[in-house]
């Protein structure tokens, strides 16, 4: 038995997504509701309670910022708002002898890293030329 064609896979995926979306809507899980709850989390407060055994009473704190709840809400909001930090990659370039030289954590793309290598190479050539002329600028 052969596998599914790309068209069949696409049709099946669309069907599953449509059914899932309909089930979520029926259950009351909508985009607006999720966003509203995340926003509520970003503004969350909490009240701490303590029981005084001597007096036999509960005491309540003033309204305090719920840092844990706010952090969790922010973590949920970041991907929705496309605010994830750029992923840093380890980029390798060969030196003049072919040995890999790593440039990690500085750049997020090959073009910028290549430009850095070029500029460093040009600076080294200028320094060598200055030294050959006797240090004159």
Protein backbone atom coordinates (compact mmCIF):
# COMPACT_ATOMS: atom_id res chain seq x y z
CA UNK A 1 0.00 0.00 0.00
CA UNK A 2 1.46 3.33 -1.04
CA UNK A 3 1.74 6.44 1.11
CA UNK A 4 -0.46 9.48 0.93
CA UNK A 5 0.15 12.10 -1.70
CA UNK A 6 1.00 15.66 -0.61
CA UNK A 7 -2.49 16.76 -1.64
CA UNK A 8 -4.09 14.06 0.52
CA UNK A 9 -1.88 15.00 3.48
CA UNK A 10 -2.81 18.68 3.09
CA UNK A 11 -6.53 17.85 2.86
CA UNK A 12 -6.35 15.61 5.95
CA UNK A 13 -4.47 18.26 7.91
CA UNK A 14 -7.00 20.95 6.97
CA UNK A 15 -9.84 18.65 8.01
CA UNK A 16 -8.27 17.89 11.41
CA UNK A 17 -7.53 21.58 12.03
CA UNK A 18 -11.10 22.55 11.13
CA UNK A 19 -12.54 19.90 13.48
CA UNK A 20 -10.20 20.99 16.28
CA UNK A 21 -11.11 24.65 15.80
CA UNK A 22 -14.83 23.80 15.87
CA UNK A 23 -14.42 21.70 19.04
CA UNK A 24 -12.47 24.49 20.76
CA UNK A 25 -15.12 27.06 19.82
CA UNK A 26 -17.89 24.78 21.08
CA UNK A 27 -16.02 24.41 24.39
CA UNK A 28 -15.66 28.19 24.68
CA UNK A 29 -11.92 28.22 24.00
CA UNK A 30 -11.49 31.21 21.71
CA UNK A 31 -8.55 33.41 20.80
CA UNK A 32 -10.13 36.40 22.55
CA UNK A 33 -10.69 34.41 25.74
CA UNK A 34 -7.10 33.14 25.81
CA UNK A 35 -5.70 36.62 25.21
CA UNK A 36 -8.00 38.06 27.89
CA UNK A 37 -6.76 35.49 30.43
CA UNK A 38 -3.12 36.17 29.59
CA UNK A 39 -3.74 39.90 30.04
CA UNK A 40 -5.38 39.21 33.41
CA UNK A 41 -2.29 37.21 34.36
CA UNK A 42 -0.03 40.12 33.43
CA UNK A 43 -1.93 42.28 35.95
CA UNK A 44 -2.32 39.59 38.65
CA UNK A 45 -2.37 40.32 42.37
CA UNK A 46 -2.66 38.02 45.37
CA UNK A 47 -3.57 38.25 49.02
CA UNK A 48 -1.61 36.26 51.60
CA UNK A 49 -3.37 34.77 54.60
CA UNK A 50 -2.09 33.74 58.01
CA UNK A 51 -3.84 32.21 61.00
CA UNK A 52 -3.08 33.60 64.46
CA UNK A 53 -3.52 30.66 66.87
CA UNK A 54 -3.55 32.90 69.95
CA UNK A 55 -6.42 35.04 68.68
CA UNK A 56 -8.10 32.32 66.64
CA UNK A 57 -8.40 34.59 63.60
CA UNK A 58 -7.20 34.78 60.03
CA UNK A 59 -5.27 37.83 58.93
CA UNK A 60 -5.02 38.99 55.36
CA UNK A 61 -2.25 40.95 53.69
CA UNK A 62 -2.81 43.93 51.50
CA UNK A 63 -3.07 43.27 47.78
CA UNK A 64 0.39 42.11 46.58
CA UNK A 65 1.78 41.74 43.08
CA UNK A 66 1.74 38.07 42.06
CA UNK A 67 5.16 37.88 40.44
CA UNK A 68 4.96 34.17 39.59
CA UNK A 69 1.61 34.54 37.86
CA UNK A 70 2.76 37.62 35.96
CA UNK A 71 5.95 35.87 34.83
CA UNK A 72 4.02 32.84 33.57
CA UNK A 73 1.60 35.12 31.68
CA UNK A 74 4.52 37.02 30.14
CA UNK A 75 6.10 33.72 29.06
CA UNK A 76 2.82 32.83 27.32
CA UNK A 77 2.50 36.25 25.68
CA UNK A 78 6.06 36.45 24.31
CA UNK A 79 5.63 33.87 21.50
CA UNK A 80 2.17 35.22 20.65
CA UNK A 81 3.66 38.69 20.17
CA UNK A 82 6.68 37.29 18.30
CA UNK A 83 9.04 38.76 20.90
CA UNK A 84 11.33 35.75 21.32
CA UNK A 85 15.00 36.72 21.46
CA UNK A 86 17.09 35.85 18.45
CA UNK A 87 18.63 32.43 18.75
CA UNK A 88 22.39 32.68 18.85
CA UNK A 89 24.32 30.19 16.77
CA UNK A 90 27.87 28.97 16.87
CA UNK A 91 29.44 30.02 13.57
CA UNK A 92 32.74 28.62 12.33
CA UNK A 93 35.12 30.09 9.76
CA UNK A 94 38.37 28.60 8.57
CA UNK A 95 41.53 30.61 9.21
CA UNK A 96 44.29 30.90 6.60
CA UNK A 97 45.43 27.35 7.48
CA UNK A 98 41.91 25.89 7.21
CA UNK A 99 41.52 25.46 10.98
CA UNK A 100 37.96 26.33 12.16
CA UNK A 101 37.66 29.56 14.14
CA UNK A 102 34.51 29.90 16.23
CA UNK A 103 32.55 33.11 16.58
CA UNK A 104 29.82 32.25 19.04
CA UNK A 105 27.18 34.36 20.71
CA UNK A 106 28.10 37.51 18.82
CA UNK A 107 25.96 37.27 15.74
CA UNK A 108 22.75 35.62 14.73
CA UNK A 109 23.43 35.26 11.03
CA UNK A 110 26.21 34.27 8.68
CA UNK A 111 26.26 37.59 6.79
CA UNK A 112 27.10 39.64 9.88
CA UNK A 113 29.70 37.14 11.05
CA UNK A 114 31.29 37.12 7.58
CA UNK A 115 31.48 40.92 7.68
CA UNK A 116 33.25 40.76 11.06
CA UNK A 117 35.82 38.28 9.74
CA UNK A 118 36.41 40.51 6.73
CA UNK A 119 36.91 43.61 8.90
CA UNK A 120 39.25 41.78 11.26
CA UNK A 121 41.27 40.54 8.29
CA UNK A 122 41.51 44.06 6.85
CA UNK A 123 42.63 45.44 10.22
CA UNK A 124 45.33 42.78 10.49
CA UNK A 125 46.59 43.62 6.98
CA UNK A 126 46.72 47.35 7.80
CA UNK A 127 48.59 46.67 11.02
CA UNK A 128 51.12 44.50 9.17
CA UNK A 129 51.56 47.17 6.49
CA UNK A 130 52.08 49.85 9.19
CA UNK A 131 54.71 47.71 10.90
CA UNK A 132 56.55 47.16 7.59
CA UNK A 133 56.65 50.94 7.01
CA UNK A 134 58.16 51.45 10.41
CA UNK A 135 55.00 52.26 12.37
CA UNK A 136 54.04 55.37 10.37
CA UNK A 137 50.36 56.19 9.94
